[in-house]
Amino acid sequence: MKAIIQTQGKQFSVSEGDVLILDRYVGSEAGSNIEINEVLTLGEGADAKIGAPLVDGASVKATVLENRRGKKVRIYKKKKRKGYQRTRGHRQELSVIRIETIQG
């Protein structure tokens, strides 16, 4: 079964067993379960249920596989002929989740 879910302001097309890399779920640890109730579309083909805006009673259950940090992004600023240079870096906090069940 397929579903289109919305979490953390982004939409994803998922099916059971998919692995997603998302922004970190606050307070979650590896092995914890997450329930996503914002399901926009459920099923596929002629059996698809389309929400307005959400499908009633539908939910997606997922398990957090790990929490990690993404690749480093470097921010470099320079103003020519002024002697101004600035370098900063940022690593995004990420959660890797696996979709376990889609209910609806």
Protein backbone atom coordinates (compact mmCIF):
# COMPACT_ATOMS: atom_id res chain seq x y z
CA MET A 1 0.00 0.00 0.00
CA LYS A 2 1.24 3.48 -0.82
CA ALA A 3 0.57 6.76 0.92
CA ILE A 4 1.52 10.40 0.64
CA ILE A 5 2.34 11.82 4.06
CA GLN A 6 3.20 15.24 5.34
CA THR A 7 5.70 15.62 8.16
CA GLN A 8 7.87 18.53 9.22
CA GLY A 9 6.39 20.71 6.49
CA LYS A 10 7.42 18.34 3.66
CA GLN A 11 5.49 15.74 1.69
CA PHE A 12 6.74 12.22 0.95
CA SER A 13 5.37 9.32 -1.10
CA VAL A 14 5.97 6.17 0.97
CA SER A 15 5.18 2.47 1.03
CA GLU A 16 5.81 -0.16 3.69
CA GLY A 17 9.52 -0.87 4.20
CA ASP A 18 10.77 2.46 2.79
CA VAL A 19 13.65 4.21 4.54
CA LEU A 20 13.53 8.03 4.77
CA ILE A 21 16.07 10.58 5.95
CA LEU A 22 14.29 13.50 7.63
CA ASP A 23 15.10 16.37 9.95
CA ARG A 24 15.63 15.19 13.53
CA TYR A 25 12.51 14.25 15.47
CA VAL A 26 12.93 16.01 18.80
CA GLY A 27 13.09 13.59 21.73
CA SER A 28 13.37 10.45 19.61
CA GLU A 29 16.07 7.83 20.03
CA ALA A 30 17.10 4.85 17.95
CA GLY A 31 14.43 2.15 18.20
CA SER A 32 11.59 4.46 19.20
CA ASN A 33 8.28 4.43 17.30
CA ILE A 34 6.69 7.40 15.56
CA GLU A 35 3.09 7.75 14.38
CA ILE A 36 2.37 10.15 11.53
CA ASN A 37 -1.30 11.14 11.31
CA GLU A 38 -1.06 13.62 8.42
CA VAL A 39 -1.90 11.29 5.51
CA LEU A 40 -2.91 13.14 2.33
CA THR A 41 -3.52 10.17 0.00
CA LEU A 42 -3.91 6.47 0.76
CA GLY A 43 -3.76 3.57 -1.72
CA GLU A 44 -3.19 3.65 -5.46
CA GLY A 45 -5.16 3.27 -8.65
CA ALA A 46 -8.95 2.98 -8.44
CA ASP A 47 -8.82 2.22 -4.69
CA ALA A 48 -7.08 5.50 -3.77
CA LYS A 49 -8.54 7.64 -1.01
CA ILE A 50 -7.80 11.33 -1.36
CA GLY A 51 -8.15 13.50 1.71
CA ALA A 52 -9.59 16.97 1.91
CA PRO A 53 -6.98 17.83 3.17
CA LEU A 54 -6.36 14.66 5.27
CA VAL A 55 -7.68 11.09 5.07
CA ASP A 56 -9.83 10.40 8.17
CA GLY A 57 -8.52 7.66 10.44
CA ALA A 58 -5.37 6.99 8.42
CA SER A 59 -1.95 6.80 10.02
CA VAL A 60 1.57 5.67 9.24
CA LYS A 61 3.76 4.01 11.85
CA ALA A 62 7.53 4.26 11.57
CA THR A 63 10.60 3.26 13.57
CA VAL A 64 13.66 5.46 14.09
CA LEU A 65 16.70 3.53 12.89
CA GLU A 66 19.30 6.11 13.90
CA ASN A 67 19.91 9.77 14.61
CA ARG A 68 22.91 11.27 12.86
CA ARG A 69 24.34 14.45 11.45
CA GLY A 70 24.48 15.31 7.77
CA LYS A 71 27.43 16.42 5.68
CA LYS A 72 29.09 19.67 6.62
CA VAL A 73 28.00 22.72 4.66
CA ARG A 74 30.52 25.54 4.55
CA ILE A 75 29.44 29.13 4.26
CA TYR A 76 32.15 31.45 2.93
CA LYS A 77 31.80 35.21 2.60
CA LYS A 78 34.32 37.60 1.10
CA LYS A 79 34.38 41.22 0.06
CA LYS A 80 37.06 41.90 -2.49
CA ARG A 81 39.74 44.49 -1.77
CA LYS A 82 38.46 45.01 1.78
CA GLY A 83 40.29 42.21 3.62
CA TYR A 84 37.00 40.73 4.84
CA GLN A 85 36.69 36.93 4.91
CA ARG A 86 34.41 34.80 7.00
CA THR A 87 33.90 31.03 7.12
CA ARG A 88 31.19 29.23 9.05
CA GLY A 89 29.98 25.66 8.98
CA HIS A 90 26.76 23.81 9.70
CA ARG A 91 25.78 20.15 10.07
CA GLN A 92 22.07 19.32 9.99
CA GLU A 93 20.64 16.95 12.62
CA LEU A 94 18.89 14.05 10.83
CA SER A 95 16.72 11.04 11.69
CA VAL A 96 16.66 7.87 9.57
CA ILE A 97 13.25 6.19 9.78
CA ARG A 98 11.71 3.04 8.29
CA ILE A 99 8.00 2.90 7.43
CA GLU A 100 6.53 -0.14 9.22
CA THR A 101 2.76 -0.06 8.61
CA ILE A 102 0.24 2.04 6.73
CA GLN A 103 -3.23 1.92 8.23
CA GLY A 104 -6.38 3.43 6.86
